C-alpha atoms as a PDB file:
ATOM      1  CA  MET A   1      39.399 115.845  -3.242  1.00  0.00           C
ATOM      2  CA  ALA A   2      40.712 113.967  -5.844  1.00  0.00           C
ATOM      3  CA  ALA A   3      41.784 110.094  -5.998  1.00  0.00           C
ATOM      4  CA  PRO A   4      44.652 108.853  -5.978  1.00  0.00           C
ATOM      5  CA  SER A   5      46.032 107.327  -9.942  1.00  0.00           C
ATOM      6  CA  LEU A   6      47.656 104.049  -9.205  1.00  0.00           C
ATOM      7  CA  THR A   7      50.073 102.780 -11.871  1.00  0.00           C
ATOM      8  CA  VAL A   8      49.739  99.056 -12.698  1.00  0.00           C
ATOM      9  CA  ARG A   9      51.466  97.366 -14.916  1.00  0.00           C
ATOM     10  CA  ALA A  10      50.536  95.343 -17.844  1.00  0.00           C
ATOM     11  CA  SER A  11      52.049  92.932 -17.132  1.00  0.00           C
ATOM     12  CA  SER A  12      50.188  91.879 -13.897  1.00  0.00           C
ATOM     13  CA  TRP A  13      46.751  91.394 -14.951  1.00  0.00           C
ATOM     14  CA  GLY A  14      47.514  87.623 -15.825  1.00  0.00           C
ATOM     15  CA  GLY A  15      47.743  87.280 -11.956  1.00  0.00           C
ATOM     16  CA  LEU A  16      44.668  89.377 -11.510  1.00  0.00           C
ATOM     17  CA  PHE A  17      42.504  87.393 -12.480  1.00  0.00           C
ATOM     18  CA  ASP A  18      43.703  83.796 -11.555  1.00  0.00           C
ATOM     19  CA  CYS A  19      42.768  84.912  -7.934  1.00  0.00           C
ATOM     20  CA  ALA A  20      42.424  88.923  -7.557  1.00  0.00           C
ATOM     21  CA  TYR A  21      43.616  89.127  -3.410  1.00  0.00           C
ATOM     22  CA  LYS A  22      47.243  87.879  -4.343  1.00  0.00           C
ATOM     23  CA  TRP A  23      47.138  90.391  -6.758  1.00  0.00           C
ATOM     24  CA  GLU A  24      45.861  93.590  -4.244  1.00  0.00           C
ATOM     25  CA  GLY A  25      47.629  92.458  -1.760  1.00  0.00           C
ATOM     26  CA  GLU A  26      51.058  92.671  -3.985  1.00  0.00           C
ATOM     27  CA  HIS A  27      50.298  95.869  -6.141  1.00  0.00           C
ATOM     28  CA  LEU A  28      47.798  97.429  -3.893  1.00  0.00           C
ATOM     29  CA  LEU A  29      49.113  96.741  -0.201  1.00  0.00           C
ATOM     30  CA  GLY A  30      52.870  95.768  -0.351  1.00  0.00           C
ATOM     31  CA  MET A  31      51.972  93.073   0.648  1.00  0.00           C
ATOM     32  CA  ARG A  32      54.980  90.299  -0.830  1.00  0.00           C
ATOM     33  CA  LYS A  33      56.491  87.243  -0.297  1.00  0.00           C
ATOM     34  CA  PRO A  34      59.813  87.053   1.385  1.00  0.00           C
ATOM     35  CA  SER A  35      62.796  85.129  -1.473  1.00  0.00           C
ATOM     36  CA  GLY A  36      64.124  82.214  -1.872  1.00  0.00           C
ATOM     37  CA  MET A  37      67.936  81.283  -2.053  1.00  0.00           C
ATOM     38  CA  ARG A  38      67.674  81.750  -5.587  1.00  0.00           C
ATOM     39  CA  ALA A  39      67.073  85.285  -5.431  1.00  0.00           C
ATOM     40  CA  HIS A  40      69.177  86.001  -3.055  1.00  0.00           C
ATOM     41  CA  LEU A  41      72.439  83.911  -5.306  1.00  0.00           C
ATOM     42  CA  GLY A  42      72.086  86.095  -8.604  1.00  0.00           C
ATOM     43  CA  THR A  43      71.340  89.212  -6.934  1.00  0.00           C
ATOM     44  CA  SER A  44      74.599  88.169  -4.709  1.00  0.00           C
ATOM     45  CA  ILE A  45      76.311  86.983  -7.867  1.00  0.00           C
ATOM     46  CA  HIS A  46      74.642  90.119  -9.466  1.00  0.00           C
ATOM     47  CA  ALA A  47      76.041  92.602  -7.467  1.00  0.00           C
ATOM     48  CA  SER A  48      79.992  91.164  -6.709  1.00  0.00           C
ATOM     49  CA  THR A  49      79.910  91.105 -11.196  1.00  0.00           C
ATOM     50  CA  ALA A  50      78.887  94.927 -10.944  1.00  0.00           C
ATOM     51  CA  ALA A  51      81.144  95.324  -8.045  1.00  0.00           C
ATOM     52  CA  PHE A  52      83.952  94.179  -9.500  1.00  0.00           C
ATOM     53  CA  ASP A  53      83.701  95.408 -12.851  1.00  0.00           C
ATOM     54  CA  LYS A  54      83.914  99.377 -11.899  1.00  0.00           C
ATOM     55  CA  ARG A  55      86.878  99.054 -10.132  1.00  0.00           C
ATOM     56  CA  PRO A  56      89.778 100.100 -11.496  1.00  0.00           C
ATOM     57  CA  ALA A  57      91.726  98.592 -13.549  1.00  0.00           C
ATOM     58  CA  ALA A  58      95.185 100.248 -13.486  1.00  0.00           C
ATOM     59  CA  GLY A  59      97.092  98.451 -16.337  1.00  0.00           C
ATOM     60  CA  ARG A  60      96.700  95.164 -15.045  1.00  0.00           C
ATOM     61  CA  ILE A  61      95.134  92.188 -16.630  1.00  0.00           C
ATOM     62  CA  ALA A  62      92.516  90.123 -14.108  1.00  0.00           C
ATOM     63  CA  ALA A  63      93.978  86.421 -13.971  1.00  0.00           C
ATOM     64  CA  LEU A  64      90.447  83.498 -14.320  1.00  0.00           C
ATOM     65  CA  GLY A  65      90.768  81.107 -11.573  1.00  0.00           C
ATOM     66  CA  ARG A  66      93.204  82.055  -8.781  1.00  0.00           C
END
């Protein structure tokens, strides 16, 4: 039976040498830290602007500041 393969991003290697236990938890065991307030705000802003950009303009010009 072949061993399972694992793909690791090269940018994560620095974290492996900083704290191997943390790296193992995040990259091998799938344990993630909860997102912070700023991450949630940024995700919300990106989602709202994406929804705005996808809606049909129907010949209208968007009014800013209303």
